[in-house]
PDB file of all heavy atoms in Angstrom:
ATOM      1  N   PRO A   1      -0.852 231.997 258.638  1.00  0.00           N
ATOM      2  CA  PRO A   1      -1.132 231.036 259.726  1.00  0.00           C
ATOM      3  C   PRO A   1      -2.483 230.362 259.559  1.00  0.00           C
ATOM      4  O   PRO A   1      -2.601 229.153 259.837  1.00  0.00           O
ATOM      5  CB  PRO A   1      -1.084 231.916 260.988  1.00  0.00           C
ATOM      6  CG  PRO A   1      -0.184 233.045 260.627  1.00  0.00           C
ATOM      7  CD  PRO A   1      -0.460 233.310 259.204  1.00  0.00           C
ATOM      8  N   LYS A   2      -3.479 231.051 259.079  1.00  0.00           N
ATOM      9  CA  LYS A   2      -4.799 230.423 258.877  1.00  0.00           C
ATOM     10  C   LYS A   2      -4.708 229.382 257.767  1.00  0.00           C
ATOM     11  O   LYS A   2      -5.311 228.298 257.858  1.00  0.00           O
ATOM     12  CB  LYS A   2      -5.849 231.495 258.538  1.00  0.00           C
ATOM     13  CG  LYS A   2      -7.283 230.946 258.395  1.00  0.00           C
ATOM     14  CD  LYS A   2      -7.793 230.375 259.739  1.00  0.00           C
ATOM     15  CE  LYS A   2      -9.245 229.889 259.643  1.00  0.00           C
ATOM     16  NZ  LYS A   2     -10.196 231.041 259.565  1.00  0.00           N
ATOM     17  N   ALA A   3      -3.942 229.681 256.736  1.00  0.00           N
ATOM     18  CA  ALA A   3      -3.738 228.678 255.668  1.00  0.00           C
ATOM     19  C   ALA A   3      -3.099 227.427 256.211  1.00  0.00           C
ATOM     20  O   ALA A   3      -3.461 226.341 255.817  1.00  0.00           O
ATOM     21  CB  ALA A   3      -2.895 229.314 254.547  1.00  0.00           C
ATOM     22  N   VAL A   4      -2.127 227.562 257.113  1.00  0.00           N
ATOM     23  CA  VAL A   4      -1.469 226.411 257.721  1.00  0.00           C
ATOM     24  C   VAL A   4      -2.520 225.553 258.470  1.00  0.00           C
ATOM     25  O   VAL A   4      -2.538 224.334 258.354  1.00  0.00           O
ATOM     26  CB  VAL A   4      -0.353 226.853 258.674  1.00  0.00           C
ATOM     27  CG1 VAL A   4       0.179 225.671 259.478  1.00  0.00           C
ATOM     28  CG2 VAL A   4       0.771 227.525 257.872  1.00  0.00           C
ATOM     29  N   GLU A   5      -3.393 226.217 259.220  1.00  0.00           N
ATOM     30  CA  GLU A   5      -4.416 225.537 259.964  1.00  0.00           C
ATOM     31  C   GLU A   5      -5.374 224.799 259.027  1.00  0.00           C
ATOM     32  O   GLU A   5      -5.716 223.619 259.328  1.00  0.00           O
ATOM     33  CB  GLU A   5      -5.217 226.578 260.780  1.00  0.00           C
ATOM     34  CG  GLU A   5      -6.242 225.999 261.732  1.00  0.00           C
ATOM     35  CD  GLU A   5      -6.983 227.108 262.499  1.00  0.00           C
ATOM     36  OE1 GLU A   5      -6.591 228.278 262.364  1.00  0.00           O
ATOM     37  OE2 GLU A   5      -7.988 226.753 263.195  1.00  0.00           O
ATOM     38  N   ILE A   6      -5.766 225.378 257.933  1.00  0.00           N
ATOM     39  CA  ILE A   6      -6.681 224.720 256.972  1.00  0.00           C
ATOM     40  C   ILE A   6      -5.983 223.564 256.330  1.00  0.00           C
ATOM     41  O   ILE A   6      -6.579 222.504 256.135  1.00  0.00           O
ATOM     42  CB  ILE A   6      -7.174 225.767 255.934  1.00  0.00           C
ATOM     43  CG1 ILE A   6      -8.032 226.823 256.592  1.00  0.00           C
ATOM     44  CG2 ILE A   6      -7.931 225.007 254.792  1.00  0.00           C
ATOM     45  CD1 ILE A   6      -8.386 227.994 255.676  1.00  0.00           C
ATOM     46  N   LYS A   7      -4.685 223.732 255.958  1.00  0.00           N
ATOM     47  CA  LYS A   7      -3.972 222.664 255.305  1.00  0.00           C
ATOM     48  C   LYS A   7      -3.898 221.432 256.221  1.00  0.00           C
ATOM     49  O   LYS A   7      -4.076 220.275 255.771  1.00  0.00           O
ATOM     50  CB  LYS A   7      -2.567 223.126 254.928  1.00  0.00           C
ATOM     51  CG  LYS A   7      -1.725 222.039 254.188  1.00  0.00           C
ATOM     52  CD  LYS A   7      -0.411 222.599 253.743  1.00  0.00           C
ATOM     53  CE  LYS A   7       0.334 221.626 252.852  1.00  0.00           C
ATOM     54  NZ  LYS A   7       0.898 220.504 253.618  1.00  0.00           N
ATOM     55  N   LYS A   8      -3.647 221.648 257.495  1.00  0.00           N
ATOM     56  CA  LYS A   8      -3.591 220.522 258.427  1.00  0.00           C
ATOM     57  C   LYS A   8      -4.943 219.838 258.569  1.00  0.00           C
ATOM     58  O   LYS A   8      -5.033 218.627 258.652  1.00  0.00           O
ATOM     59  CB  LYS A   8      -3.157 221.055 259.815  1.00  0.00           C
ATOM     60  CG  LYS A   8      -1.705 221.488 259.914  1.00  0.00           C
ATOM     61  CD  LYS A   8      -1.333 221.959 261.283  1.00  0.00           C
ATOM     62  CE  LYS A   8       0.156 222.356 261.355  1.00  0.00           C
ATOM     63  NZ  LYS A   8       0.544 222.889 262.644  1.00  0.00           N
ATOM     64  N   TYR A   9      -6.024 220.604 258.490  1.00  0.00           N
ATOM     65  CA  TYR A   9      -7.365 220.019 258.575  1.00  0.00           C
ATOM     66  C   TYR A   9      -7.643 219.139 257.358  1.00  0.00           C
ATOM     67  O   TYR A   9      -8.313 218.098 257.509  1.00  0.00           O
ATOM     68  CB  TYR A   9      -8.439 221.157 258.677  1.00  0.00           C
ATOM     69  CG  TYR A   9      -9.820 220.616 258.845  1.00  0.00           C
ATOM     70  CD1 TYR A   9     -10.300 220.261 260.125  1.00  0.00           C
ATOM     71  CD2 TYR A   9     -10.673 220.491 257.783  1.00  0.00           C
ATOM     72  CE1 TYR A   9     -11.586 219.757 260.297  1.00  0.00           C
ATOM     73  CE2 TYR A   9     -11.968 220.018 257.921  1.00  0.00           C
ATOM     74  CZ  TYR A   9     -12.424 219.657 259.186  1.00  0.00           C
ATOM     75  OH  TYR A   9     -13.696 219.164 259.330  1.00  0.00           O
ATOM     76  N   CYS A  10      -7.176 219.600 256.202  1.00  0.00           N
ATOM     77  CA  CYS A  10      -7.430 218.846 254.973  1.00  0.00           C
ATOM     78  C   CYS A  10      -6.486 217.729 254.711  1.00  0.00           C
ATOM     79  O   CYS A  10      -6.693 216.933 253.747  1.00  0.00           O
ATOM     80  CB  CYS A  10      -7.417 219.840 253.805  1.00  0.00           C
ATOM     81  SG  CYS A  10      -8.746 221.095 253.779  1.00  0.00           S
ATOM     82  N   GLU A  11      -5.439 217.657 255.486  1.00  0.00           N
ATOM     83  CA  GLU A  11      -4.387 216.619 255.295  1.00  0.00           C
ATOM     84  C   GLU A  11      -4.997 215.205 255.164  1.00  0.00           C
ATOM     85  O   GLU A  11      -5.831 214.840 255.978  1.00  0.00           O
ATOM     86  CB  GLU A  11      -3.420 216.630 256.476  1.00  0.00           C
ATOM     87  CG  GLU A  11      -2.035 216.173 256.095  1.00  0.00           C
ATOM     88  CD  GLU A  11      -1.195 217.271 255.511  1.00  0.00           C
ATOM     89  OE1 GLU A  11      -0.955 218.290 256.189  1.00  0.00           O
ATOM     90  OE2 GLU A  11      -0.777 217.143 254.343  1.00  0.00           O
ATOM     91  N   ASP A  12      -4.599 214.542 254.095  1.00  0.00           N
ATOM     92  CA  ASP A  12      -5.064 213.145 253.854  1.00  0.00           C
ATOM     93  C   ASP A  12      -6.554 213.034 253.523  1.00  0.00           C
ATOM     94  O   ASP A  12      -7.092 211.923 253.432  1.00  0.00           O
ATOM     95  CB  ASP A  12      -4.734 212.222 255.022  1.00  0.00           C
ATOM     96  CG  ASP A  12      -3.276 212.166 255.330  1.00  0.00           C
ATOM     97  OD1 ASP A  12      -2.445 212.153 254.358  1.00  0.00           O
ATOM     98  OD2 ASP A  12      -2.877 212.117 256.500  1.00  0.00           O
ATOM     99  N   LYS A  13      -7.230 214.214 253.340  1.00  0.00           N
ATOM    100  CA  LYS A  13      -8.621 214.186 252.936  1.00  0.00           C
ATOM    101  C   LYS A  13      -8.773 214.715 251.527  1.00  0.00           C
ATOM    102  O   LYS A  13      -9.452 214.134 250.689  1.00  0.00           O
ATOM    103  CB  LYS A  13      -9.473 215.036 253.895  1.00  0.00           C
ATOM    104  CG  LYS A  13      -9.449 214.632 255.348  1.00  0.00           C
ATOM    105  CD  LYS A  13     -10.208 215.625 256.210  1.00  0.00           C
ATOM    106  CE  LYS A  13     -10.100 215.346 257.663  1.00  0.00           C
ATOM    107  NZ  LYS A  13     -10.739 216.410 258.505  1.00  0.00           N
ATOM    108  N   ILE A  14      -8.148 215.924 251.293  1.00  0.00           N
ATOM    109  CA  ILE A  14      -8.205 216.530 249.967  1.00  0.00           C
ATOM    110  C   ILE A  14      -7.068 217.586 249.909  1.00  0.00           C
ATOM    111  O   ILE A  14      -6.809 218.270 250.917  1.00  0.00           O
ATOM    112  CB  ILE A  14      -9.550 217.246 249.732  1.00  0.00           C
ATOM    113  CG1 ILE A  14      -9.729 217.681 248.283  1.00  0.00           C
ATOM    114  CG2 ILE A  14      -9.794 218.396 250.690  1.00  0.00           C
ATOM    115  CD1 ILE A  14     -11.134 218.048 247.882  1.00  0.00           C
ATOM    116  N   PRO A  15      -6.352 217.684 248.818  1.00  0.00           N
ATOM    117  CA  PRO A  15      -5.266 218.716 248.714  1.00  0.00           C
ATOM    118  C   PRO A  15      -5.880 220.134 248.839  1.00  0.00           C
ATOM    119  O   PRO A  15      -6.945 220.409 248.323  1.00  0.00           O
ATOM    120  CB  PRO A  15      -4.698 218.470 247.326  1.00  0.00           C
ATOM    121  CG  PRO A  15      -5.034 217.053 247.025  1.00  0.00           C
ATOM    122  CD  PRO A  15      -6.371 216.809 247.657  1.00  0.00           C
ATOM    123  N   ALA A  16      -5.118 221.012 249.514  1.00  0.00           N
ATOM    124  CA  ALA A  16      -5.574 222.390 249.708  1.00  0.00           C
ATOM    125  C   ALA A  16      -4.532 223.380 249.196  1.00  0.00           C
ATOM    126  O   ALA A  16      -3.334 223.228 249.456  1.00  0.00           O
ATOM    127  CB  ALA A  16      -5.854 222.639 251.163  1.00  0.00           C
ATOM    128  N   THR A  17      -4.975 224.370 248.404  1.00  0.00           N
ATOM    129  CA  THR A  17      -4.100 225.478 248.001  1.00  0.00           C
ATOM    130  C   THR A  17      -4.767 226.761 248.433  1.00  0.00           C
ATOM    131  O   THR A  17      -5.951 226.777 248.858  1.00  0.00           O
ATOM    132  CB  THR A  17      -3.844 225.433 246.470  1.00  0.00           C
ATOM    133  OG1 THR A  17      -5.104 225.698 245.829  1.00  0.00           O
ATOM    134  CG2 THR A  17      -3.297 224.117 246.010  1.00  0.00           C
ATOM    135  N   PHE A  18      -4.069 227.890 248.249  1.00  0.00           N
ATOM    136  CA  PHE A  18      -4.519 229.127 248.895  1.00  0.00           C
ATOM    137  C   PHE A  18      -4.306 230.296 248.027  1.00  0.00           C
ATOM    138  O   PHE A  18      -3.248 230.476 247.357  1.00  0.00           O
ATOM    139  CB  PHE A  18      -3.813 229.311 250.241  1.00  0.00           C
ATOM    140  CG  PHE A  18      -3.943 228.107 251.143  1.00  0.00           C
ATOM    141  CD1 PHE A  18      -3.015 227.096 251.158  1.00  0.00           C
ATOM    142  CD2 PHE A  18      -5.068 227.972 251.907  1.00  0.00           C
ATOM    143  CE1 PHE A  18      -3.178 225.969 251.961  1.00  0.00           C
ATOM    144  CE2 PHE A  18      -5.240 226.863 252.745  1.00  0.00           C
ATOM    145  CZ  PHE A  18      -4.292 225.863 252.724  1.00  0.00           C
ATOM    146  N   GLY A  19      -5.317 231.241 247.994  1.00  0.00           N
ATOM    147  CA  GLY A  19      -5.162 232.526 247.412  1.00  0.00           C
ATOM    148  C   GLY A  19      -5.231 233.535 248.498  1.00  0.00           C
ATOM    149  O   GLY A  19      -6.263 233.730 249.099  1.00  0.00           O
ATOM    150  N   VAL A  20      -4.067 234.196 248.743  1.00  0.00           N
ATOM    151  CA  VAL A  20      -3.950 235.149 249.868  1.00  0.00           C
ATOM    152  C   VAL A  20      -3.876 236.540 249.244  1.00  0.00           C
ATOM    153  O   VAL A  20      -2.985 236.795 248.423  1.00  0.00           O
ATOM    154  CB  VAL A  20      -2.775 234.847 250.776  1.00  0.00           C
ATOM    155  CG1 VAL A  20      -2.747 235.828 251.920  1.00  0.00           C
ATOM    156  CG2 VAL A  20      -2.835 233.408 251.276  1.00  0.00           C
ATOM    157  N   GLY A  21      -4.741 237.452 249.663  1.00  0.00           N
ATOM    158  CA  GLY A  21      -4.790 238.747 249.094  1.00  0.00           C
ATOM    159  C   GLY A  21      -4.331 239.851 249.995  1.00  0.00           C
ATOM    160  O   GLY A  21      -3.183 240.182 250.064  1.00  0.00           O
ATOM    161  N   THR A  22      -5.285 240.468 250.664  1.00  0.00           N
ATOM    162  CA  THR A  22      -5.016 241.679 251.417  1.00  0.00           C
ATOM    163  C   THR A  22      -3.955 241.465 252.496  1.00  0.00           C
ATOM    164  O   THR A  22      -3.169 242.417 252.723  1.00  0.00           O
ATOM    165  CB  THR A  22      -6.343 242.131 252.128  1.00  0.00           C
ATOM    166  OG1 THR A  22      -7.360 242.246 251.095  1.00  0.00           O
ATOM    167  CG2 THR A  22      -6.169 243.504 252.753  1.00  0.00           C
ATOM    168  N   ASN A  23      -3.901 240.319 253.075  1.00  0.00           N
ATOM    169  CA  ASN A  23      -2.888 240.071 254.107  1.00  0.00           C
ATOM    170  C   ASN A  23      -1.411 240.143 253.549  1.00  0.00           C
ATOM    171  O   ASN A  23      -0.493 240.289 254.321  1.00  0.00           O
ATOM    172  CB  ASN A  23      -3.131 238.721 254.806  1.00  0.00           C
ATOM    173  CG  ASN A  23      -2.120 238.464 255.944  1.00  0.00           C
ATOM    174  OD1 ASN A  23      -1.252 237.596 255.797  1.00  0.00           O
ATOM    175  ND2 ASN A  23      -2.260 239.194 257.060  1.00  0.00           N
ATOM    176  N   LEU A  24      -1.313 239.965 252.274  1.00  0.00           N
ATOM    177  CA  LEU A  24      -0.008 240.087 251.634  1.00  0.00           C
ATOM    178  C   LEU A  24       0.284 241.503 251.113  1.00  0.00           C
ATOM    179  O   LEU A  24       1.337 242.054 251.299  1.00  0.00           O
ATOM    180  CB  LEU A  24       0.170 239.107 250.499  1.00  0.00           C
ATOM    181  CG  LEU A  24       0.266 237.625 250.891  1.00  0.00           C
ATOM    182  CD1 LEU A  24       0.310 236.729 249.662  1.00  0.00           C
ATOM    183  CD2 LEU A  24       1.514 237.358 251.759  1.00  0.00           C
ATOM    184  N   THR A  25      -0.735 242.121 250.440  1.00  0.00           N
ATOM    185  CA  THR A  25      -0.489 243.357 249.793  1.00  0.00           C
ATOM    186  C   THR A  25      -0.926 244.613 250.611  1.00  0.00           C
ATOM    187  O   THR A  25      -0.790 245.719 250.122  1.00  0.00           O
ATOM    188  CB  THR A  25      -1.176 243.416 248.458  1.00  0.00           C
ATOM    189  OG1 THR A  25      -2.594 243.244 248.600  1.00  0.00           O
ATOM    190  CG2 THR A  25      -0.652 242.322 247.515  1.00  0.00           C
ATOM    191  N   ASN A  26      -1.524 244.373 251.788  1.00  0.00           N
ATOM    192  CA  ASN A  26      -1.904 245.510 252.618  1.00  0.00           C
ATOM    193  C   ASN A  26      -1.657 245.250 254.075  1.00  0.00           C
ATOM    194  O   ASN A  26      -2.399 245.696 254.956  1.00  0.00           O
ATOM    195  CB  ASN A  26      -3.375 245.832 252.425  1.00  0.00           C
ATOM    196  CG  ASN A  26      -3.718 247.313 252.702  1.00  0.00           C
ATOM    197  OD1 ASN A  26      -3.005 247.923 253.494  1.00  0.00           O
ATOM    198  ND2 ASN A  26      -4.759 247.865 252.094  1.00  0.00           N
ATOM    199  N   ASP A  27      -0.555 244.579 254.370  1.00  0.00           N
ATOM    200  CA  ASP A  27      -0.067 244.406 255.743  1.00  0.00           C
ATOM    201  C   ASP A  27       1.183 245.245 255.835  1.00  0.00           C
ATOM    202  O   ASP A  27       2.309 244.776 255.600  1.00  0.00           O
ATOM    203  CB  ASP A  27       0.227 242.933 255.996  1.00  0.00           C
ATOM    204  CG  ASP A  27       0.647 242.666 257.445  1.00  0.00           C
ATOM    205  OD1 ASP A  27       0.605 243.607 258.263  1.00  0.00           O
ATOM    206  OD2 ASP A  27       1.059 241.506 257.760  1.00  0.00           O
ATOM    207  N   VAL A  28       1.019 246.523 256.169  1.00  0.00           N
ATOM    208  CA  VAL A  28       2.099 247.513 255.994  1.00  0.00           C
ATOM    209  C   VAL A  28       2.506 248.236 257.300  1.00  0.00           C
ATOM    210  O   VAL A  28       3.237 249.178 257.264  1.00  0.00           O
ATOM    211  CB  VAL A  28       1.718 248.548 254.913  1.00  0.00           C
ATOM    212  CG1 VAL A  28       1.515 247.899 253.574  1.00  0.00           C
ATOM    213  CG2 VAL A  28       0.490 249.356 255.333  1.00  0.00           C
ATOM    214  N   GLY A  29       2.010 247.751 258.463  1.00  0.00           N
ATOM    215  CA  GLY A  29       2.334 248.372 259.731  1.00  0.00           C
ATOM    216  C   GLY A  29       1.643 249.739 259.926  1.00  0.00           C
ATOM    217  O   GLY A  29       0.652 250.068 259.206  1.00  0.00           O
ATOM    218  N   ASN A  30       2.120 250.502 260.851  1.00  0.00           N
ATOM    219  CA  ASN A  30       1.574 251.825 261.081  1.00  0.00           C
ATOM    220  C   ASN A  30       0.088 251.847 261.374  1.00  0.00           C
ATOM    221  O   ASN A  30      -0.593 252.855 261.122  1.00  0.00           O
ATOM    222  CB  ASN A  30       1.880 252.787 259.912  1.00  0.00           C
ATOM    223  CG  ASN A  30       3.389 253.102 259.809  1.00  0.00           C
ATOM    224  OD1 ASN A  30       4.088 252.996 260.792  1.00  0.00           O
ATOM    225  ND2 ASN A  30       3.798 253.450 258.610  1.00  0.00           N
ATOM    226  N   HIS A  31      -0.454 250.739 261.893  1.00  0.00           N
ATOM    227  CA  HIS A  31      -1.837 250.611 262.286  1.00  0.00           C
ATOM    228  C   HIS A  31      -2.805 250.899 261.084  1.00  0.00           C
ATOM    229  O   HIS A  31      -3.963 251.266 261.290  1.00  0.00           O
ATOM    230  CB  HIS A  31      -2.202 251.595 263.440  1.00  0.00           C
ATOM    231  CG  HIS A  31      -1.273 251.448 264.629  1.00  0.00           C
ATOM    232  ND1 HIS A  31      -1.371 250.362 265.456  1.00  0.00           N
ATOM    233  CD2 HIS A  31      -0.290 252.239 265.091  1.00  0.00           C
ATOM    234  CE1 HIS A  31      -0.436 250.507 266.410  1.00  0.00           C
ATOM    235  NE2 HIS A  31       0.230 251.641 266.211  1.00  0.00           N
ATOM    236  N   THR A  32      -2.336 250.638 259.917  1.00  0.00           N
ATOM    237  CA  THR A  32      -3.143 250.834 258.720  1.00  0.00           C
ATOM    238  C   THR A  32      -4.178 249.728 258.627  1.00  0.00           C
ATOM    239  O   THR A  32      -3.897 248.556 258.831  1.00  0.00           O
ATOM    240  CB  THR A  32      -2.281 250.799 257.438  1.00  0.00           C
ATOM    241  OG1 THR A  32      -1.331 251.889 257.494  1.00  0.00           O
ATOM    242  CG2 THR A  32      -3.120 250.957 256.182  1.00  0.00           C
ATOM    243  N   ILE A  33      -5.418 250.116 258.295  1.00  0.00           N
ATOM    244  CA  ILE A  33      -6.550 249.199 258.221  1.00  0.00           C
ATOM    245  C   ILE A  33      -6.928 249.020 256.696  1.00  0.00           C
ATOM    246  O   ILE A  33      -7.191 250.019 256.021  1.00  0.00           O
ATOM    247  CB  ILE A  33      -7.773 249.706 258.970  1.00  0.00           C
ATOM    248  CG1 ILE A  33      -7.410 249.821 260.446  1.00  0.00           C
ATOM    249  CG2 ILE A  33      -8.977 248.766 258.786  1.00  0.00           C
ATOM    250  CD1 ILE A  33      -8.520 250.444 261.283  1.00  0.00           C
ATOM    251  N   PRO A  34      -6.902 247.807 256.186  1.00  0.00           N
ATOM    252  CA  PRO A  34      -7.268 247.621 254.777  1.00  0.00           C
ATOM    253  C   PRO A  34      -8.704 248.057 254.501  1.00  0.00           C
ATOM    254  O   PRO A  34      -9.563 247.979 255.378  1.00  0.00           O
ATOM    255  CB  PRO A  34      -7.107 246.102 254.591  1.00  0.00           C
ATOM    256  CG  PRO A  34      -6.186 245.678 255.689  1.00  0.00           C
ATOM    257  CD  PRO A  34      -6.486 246.574 256.854  1.00  0.00           C
ATOM    258  N   ARG A  35      -8.942 248.471 253.257  1.00  0.00           N
ATOM    259  CA  ARG A  35     -10.252 248.890 252.831  1.00  0.00           C
ATOM    260  C   ARG A  35     -11.165 247.659 252.641  1.00  0.00           C
ATOM    261  O   ARG A  35     -10.714 246.637 252.146  1.00  0.00           O
ATOM    262  CB  ARG A  35     -10.257 249.654 251.510  1.00  0.00           C
ATOM    263  CG  ARG A  35      -9.157 250.733 251.365  1.00  0.00           C
ATOM    264  CD  ARG A  35      -9.158 251.723 252.546  1.00  0.00           C
ATOM    265  NE  ARG A  35     -10.498 252.298 252.717  1.00  0.00           N
ATOM    266  CZ  ARG A  35     -11.053 252.495 253.889  1.00  0.00           C
ATOM    267  NH1 ARG A  35     -10.446 252.136 255.006  1.00  0.00           N
ATOM    268  NH2 ARG A  35     -12.249 253.008 253.974  1.00  0.00           N
ATOM    269  N   ASN A  36     -12.405 247.777 253.025  1.00  0.00           N
ATOM    270  CA  ASN A  36     -13.365 246.660 252.845  1.00  0.00           C
ATOM    271  C   ASN A  36     -14.288 247.069 251.689  1.00  0.00           C
ATOM    272  O   ASN A  36     -15.471 247.443 251.877  1.00  0.00           O
ATOM    273  CB  ASN A  36     -14.160 246.405 254.113  1.00  0.00           C
ATOM    274  CG  ASN A  36     -14.939 245.130 254.058  1.00  0.00           C
ATOM    275  OD1 ASN A  36     -14.880 244.383 253.078  1.00  0.00           O
ATOM    276  ND2 ASN A  36     -15.680 244.820 255.108  1.00  0.00           N
ATOM    277  N   ILE A  37     -13.765 246.981 250.489  1.00  0.00           N
ATOM    278  CA  ILE A  37     -14.485 247.520 249.305  1.00  0.00           C
ATOM    279  C   ILE A  37     -14.572 246.418 248.216  1.00  0.00           C
ATOM    280  O   ILE A  37     -13.692 245.546 248.112  1.00  0.00           O
ATOM    281  CB  ILE A  37     -13.769 248.743 248.726  1.00  0.00           C
ATOM    282  CG1 ILE A  37     -12.331 248.451 248.441  1.00  0.00           C
ATOM    283  CG2 ILE A  37     -13.950 249.933 249.670  1.00  0.00           C
ATOM    284  CD1 ILE A  37     -11.572 249.630 247.756  1.00  0.00           C
ATOM    285  N   VAL A  38     -15.663 246.462 247.506  1.00  0.00           N
ATOM    286  CA  VAL A  38     -15.852 245.555 246.352  1.00  0.00           C
ATOM    287  C   VAL A  38     -16.521 246.325 245.214  1.00  0.00           C
ATOM    288  O   VAL A  38     -17.089 247.426 245.449  1.00  0.00           O
ATOM    289  CB  VAL A  38     -16.726 244.328 246.729  1.00  0.00           C
ATOM    290  CG1 VAL A  38     -16.002 243.457 247.718  1.00  0.00           C
ATOM    291  CG2 VAL A  38     -18.072 244.745 247.186  1.00  0.00           C
ATOM    292  N   MET A  39     -16.521 245.794 244.038  1.00  0.00           N
ATOM    293  CA  MET A  39     -17.287 246.308 242.927  1.00  0.00           C
ATOM    294  C   MET A  39     -17.953 245.154 242.226  1.00  0.00           C
ATOM    295  O   MET A  39     -17.270 244.241 241.734  1.00  0.00           O
ATOM    296  CB  MET A  39     -16.354 247.062 241.950  1.00  0.00           C
ATOM    297  CG  MET A  39     -17.137 248.015 241.000  1.00  0.00           C
ATOM    298  SD  MET A  39     -16.087 249.277 240.326  1.00  0.00           S
ATOM    299  CE  MET A  39     -17.282 250.104 239.272  1.00  0.00           C
ATOM    300  N   LYS A  40     -19.264 245.119 242.247  1.00  0.00           N
ATOM    301  CA  LYS A  40     -20.033 243.921 241.819  1.00  0.00           C
ATOM    302  C   LYS A  40     -20.987 244.276 240.715  1.00  0.00           C
ATOM    303  O   LYS A  40     -21.495 245.424 240.577  1.00  0.00           O
ATOM    304  CB  LYS A  40     -20.791 243.326 243.012  1.00  0.00           C
ATOM    305  CG  LYS A  40     -19.931 242.774 244.097  1.00  0.00           C
ATOM    306  CD  LYS A  40     -19.153 241.546 243.607  1.00  0.00           C
ATOM    307  CE  LYS A  40     -18.355 240.886 244.727  1.00  0.00           C
ATOM    308  NZ  LYS A  40     -17.523 239.773 244.240  1.00  0.00           N
ATOM    309  N   LEU A  41     -21.339 243.236 239.930  1.00  0.00           N
ATOM    310  CA  LEU A  41     -22.314 243.376 238.915  1.00  0.00           C
ATOM    311  C   LEU A  41     -23.714 243.501 239.530  1.00  0.00           C
ATOM    312  O   LEU A  41     -24.091 242.632 240.295  1.00  0.00           O
ATOM    313  CB  LEU A  41     -22.281 242.160 237.978  1.00  0.00           C
ATOM    314  CG  LEU A  41     -23.170 242.167 236.770  1.00  0.00           C
ATOM    315  CD1 LEU A  41     -22.724 243.161 235.726  1.00  0.00           C
ATOM    316  CD2 LEU A  41     -23.213 240.746 236.091  1.00  0.00           C
ATOM    317  N   ILE A  42     -24.406 244.566 239.247  1.00  0.00           N
ATOM    318  CA  ILE A  42     -25.758 244.752 239.888  1.00  0.00           C
ATOM    319  C   ILE A  42     -26.880 244.715 238.852  1.00  0.00           C
ATOM    320  O   ILE A  42     -28.057 244.721 239.206  1.00  0.00           O
ATOM    321  CB  ILE A  42     -25.848 246.043 240.679  1.00  0.00           C
ATOM    322  CG1 ILE A  42     -25.600 247.287 239.757  1.00  0.00           C
ATOM    323  CG2 ILE A  42     -24.836 246.068 241.823  1.00  0.00           C
ATOM    324  CD1 ILE A  42     -26.014 248.586 240.386  1.00  0.00           C
ATOM    325  N   GLY A  43     -26.533 244.725 237.562  1.00  0.00           N
ATOM    326  CA  GLY A  43     -27.595 244.690 236.551  1.00  0.00           C
ATOM    327  C   GLY A  43     -26.988 244.251 235.211  1.00  0.00           C
ATOM    328  O   GLY A  43     -25.807 244.463 234.945  1.00  0.00           O
TER     329      GLY A  43
END
């Protein structure tokens, strides 16, 4: 739904595409909360 909102905002201004991650692969019901984890280059 947020992607739809952004696409409407960008309409006729600039084409918009979307990379959707956690909402697709970790929307599993049962009140499960996705992990807020990253692994970054620090040195």
